[in-house]
Amino acid sequence: MLDLLGLGAASWGALMALAPMLQVRRIIARRSSADVSLGYLSVLEIGFVLWIAYGIALGSPVLVVPNVLAALIGAFALLVSWRYRGTDPGRR
């Protein structure tokens, strides 16, 4: 039962890791990240790295895999947010 719960949690974690792509899509479409908190994304990145380290220490791929995916996508979201920072298509 515990293995099934771990698999379910890891699967949902992977889905959660993909969620920032919705924000990335919006940033690119609007060509602005003015309404996105870089602080929030940065705090999440630190958390992902800590969970990866914890998962490695435990030898738990159930913790490592979804958090690696989340860290990679989170880093991409941060890069896109920085790229479109300060651009406001409504101000011309």
C-alpha atoms as a PDB file:
ATOM      1  CA  MET A   1       0.000   0.000   0.000  1.00  0.00           C
ATOM      2  CA  LEU A   2       2.842   2.361   0.861  1.00  0.00           C
ATOM      3  CA  ASP A   3       4.479   1.764  -2.542  1.00  0.00           C
ATOM      4  CA  LEU A   4       1.205   2.586  -4.285  1.00  0.00           C
ATOM      5  CA  LEU A   5       0.883   5.790  -2.270  1.00  0.00           C
ATOM      6  CA  GLY A   6       4.472   6.715  -3.136  1.00  0.00           C
ATOM      7  CA  LEU A   7       3.844   6.101  -6.828  1.00  0.00           C
ATOM      8  CA  GLY A   8       0.659   8.178  -6.717  1.00  0.00           C
ATOM      9  CA  ALA A   9       2.411  11.012  -4.877  1.00  0.00           C
ATOM     10  CA  ALA A  10       5.351  10.956  -7.300  1.00  0.00           C
ATOM     11  CA  SER A  11       3.014  10.954 -10.297  1.00  0.00           C
ATOM     12  CA  TRP A  12       1.022  13.884  -8.950  1.00  0.00           C
ATOM     13  CA  GLY A  13       4.306  15.615  -8.066  1.00  0.00           C
ATOM     14  CA  ALA A  14       5.398  15.297 -11.686  1.00  0.00           C
ATOM     15  CA  LEU A  15       2.083  16.803 -12.814  1.00  0.00           C
ATOM     16  CA  MET A  16       2.531  19.643 -10.320  1.00  0.00           C
ATOM     17  CA  ALA A  17       6.043  20.156 -11.675  1.00  0.00           C
ATOM     18  CA  LEU A  18       4.568  20.827 -15.122  1.00  0.00           C
ATOM     19  CA  ALA A  19       2.073  23.409 -13.828  1.00  0.00           C
ATOM     20  CA  PRO A  20       4.430  26.427 -14.154  1.00  0.00           C
ATOM     21  CA  MET A  21       4.367  25.876 -17.906  1.00  0.00           C
ATOM     22  CA  LEU A  22       0.858  27.367 -17.827  1.00  0.00           C
ATOM     23  CA  GLN A  23       2.352  30.581 -16.453  1.00  0.00           C
ATOM     24  CA  VAL A  24       5.207  30.464 -18.968  1.00  0.00           C
ATOM     25  CA  ARG A  25       2.696  30.153 -21.789  1.00  0.00           C
ATOM     26  CA  ARG A  26       0.853  33.216 -20.506  1.00  0.00           C
ATOM     27  CA  ILE A  27       4.054  35.240 -20.096  1.00  0.00           C
ATOM     28  CA  ILE A  28       5.123  34.495 -23.655  1.00  0.00           C
ATOM     29  CA  ALA A  29       1.663  35.257 -25.055  1.00  0.00           C
ATOM     30  CA  ARG A  30       1.492  38.571 -23.179  1.00  0.00           C
ATOM     31  CA  ARG A  31       5.196  39.289 -23.683  1.00  0.00           C
ATOM     32  CA  SER A  32       5.355  40.427 -20.059  1.00  0.00           C
ATOM     33  CA  SER A  33       6.062  38.907 -16.673  1.00  0.00           C
ATOM     34  CA  ALA A  34       5.171  42.068 -14.775  1.00  0.00           C
ATOM     35  CA  ASP A  35       2.513  40.247 -12.728  1.00  0.00           C
ATOM     36  CA  VAL A  36       4.725  37.271 -11.808  1.00  0.00           C
ATOM     37  CA  SER A  37       6.566  37.156  -8.467  1.00  0.00           C
ATOM     38  CA  LEU A  38      10.221  36.274  -9.010  1.00  0.00           C
ATOM     39  CA  GLY A  39      10.597  35.921  -5.235  1.00  0.00           C
ATOM     40  CA  TYR A  40       7.903  33.254  -5.147  1.00  0.00           C
ATOM     41  CA  LEU A  41       9.509  31.311  -7.988  1.00  0.00           C
ATOM     42  CA  SER A  42      12.908  31.585  -6.301  1.00  0.00           C
ATOM     43  CA  VAL A  43      11.589  30.255  -2.991  1.00  0.00           C
ATOM     44  CA  LEU A  44      10.085  27.296  -4.852  1.00  0.00           C
ATOM     45  CA  GLU A  45      13.429  26.601  -6.575  1.00  0.00           C
ATOM     46  CA  ILE A  46      15.244  26.492  -3.234  1.00  0.00           C
ATOM     47  CA  GLY A  47      12.580  24.124  -1.912  1.00  0.00           C
ATOM     48  CA  PHE A  48      12.956  21.804  -4.912  1.00  0.00           C
ATOM     49  CA  VAL A  49      16.715  21.630  -4.392  1.00  0.00           C
ATOM     50  CA  LEU A  50      16.257  20.851  -0.700  1.00  0.00           C
ATOM     51  CA  TRP A  51      13.749  18.083  -1.489  1.00  0.00           C
ATOM     52  CA  ILE A  52      16.129  16.647  -4.102  1.00  0.00           C
ATOM     53  CA  ALA A  53      18.949  16.591  -1.534  1.00  0.00           C
ATOM     54  CA  TYR A  54      16.660  14.991   1.048  1.00  0.00           C
ATOM     55  CA  GLY A  55      15.463  12.404  -1.458  1.00  0.00           C
ATOM     56  CA  ILE A  56      19.043  11.563  -2.426  1.00  0.00           C
ATOM     57  CA  ALA A  57      19.999  11.223   1.263  1.00  0.00           C
ATOM     58  CA  LEU A  58      17.086   8.815   1.747  1.00  0.00           C
ATOM     59  CA  GLY A  59      17.756   7.020  -1.513  1.00  0.00           C
ATOM     60  CA  SER A  60      14.178   7.761  -2.560  1.00  0.00           C
ATOM     61  CA  PRO A  61      13.519   8.177  -6.277  1.00  0.00           C
ATOM     62  CA  VAL A  62       9.892   8.948  -5.366  1.00  0.00           C
ATOM     63  CA  LEU A  63      11.155  12.233  -3.904  1.00  0.00           C
ATOM     64  CA  VAL A  64      14.029  12.861  -6.302  1.00  0.00           C
ATOM     65  CA  VAL A  65      12.400  12.394  -9.720  1.00  0.00           C
ATOM     66  CA  PRO A  66       9.422  14.760  -9.430  1.00  0.00           C
ATOM     67  CA  ASN A  67      11.525  17.396  -7.671  1.00  0.00           C
ATOM     68  CA  VAL A  68      14.232  17.260 -10.341  1.00  0.00           C
ATOM     69  CA  LEU A  69      11.512  17.772 -12.944  1.00  0.00           C
ATOM     70  CA  ALA A  70      10.034  20.609 -10.865  1.00  0.00           C
ATOM     71  CA  ALA A  71      13.457  22.245 -10.433  1.00  0.00           C
ATOM     72  CA  LEU A  72      14.167  22.129 -14.171  1.00  0.00           C
ATOM     73  CA  ILE A  73      10.780  23.538 -15.145  1.00  0.00           C
ATOM     74  CA  GLY A  74      10.946  26.061 -12.314  1.00  0.00           C
ATOM     75  CA  ALA A  75      14.343  27.252 -13.536  1.00  0.00           C
ATOM     76  CA  PHE A  76      12.895  27.611 -17.026  1.00  0.00           C
ATOM     77  CA  ALA A  77       9.955  29.603 -15.627  1.00  0.00           C
ATOM     78  CA  LEU A  78      12.398  31.892 -13.806  1.00  0.00           C
ATOM     79  CA  LEU A  79      14.440  32.418 -16.965  1.00  0.00           C
ATOM     80  CA  VAL A  80      11.348  33.250 -19.020  1.00  0.00           C
ATOM     81  CA  SER A  81      10.120  35.571 -16.261  1.00  0.00           C
ATOM     82  CA  TRP A  82      13.462  37.395 -16.173  1.00  0.00           C
ATOM     83  CA  ARG A  83      13.526  37.571 -19.970  1.00  0.00           C
ATOM     84  CA  TYR A  84      10.137  39.289 -20.099  1.00  0.00           C
ATOM     85  CA  ARG A  85      10.638  41.373 -16.956  1.00  0.00           C
ATOM     86  CA  GLY A  86      10.051  45.062 -17.432  1.00  0.00           C
ATOM     87  CA  THR A  87       8.212  44.607 -20.700  1.00  0.00           C
ATOM     88  CA  ASP A  88       4.657  45.815 -20.704  1.00  0.00           C
ATOM     89  CA  PRO A  89       2.943  45.548 -24.080  1.00  0.00           C
ATOM     90  CA  GLY A  90       0.192  47.865 -22.853  1.00  0.00           C
ATOM     91  CA  ARG A  91       2.676  50.725 -22.435  1.00  0.00           C
ATOM     92  CA  ARG A  92       3.783  52.072 -25.798  1.00  0.00           C
END
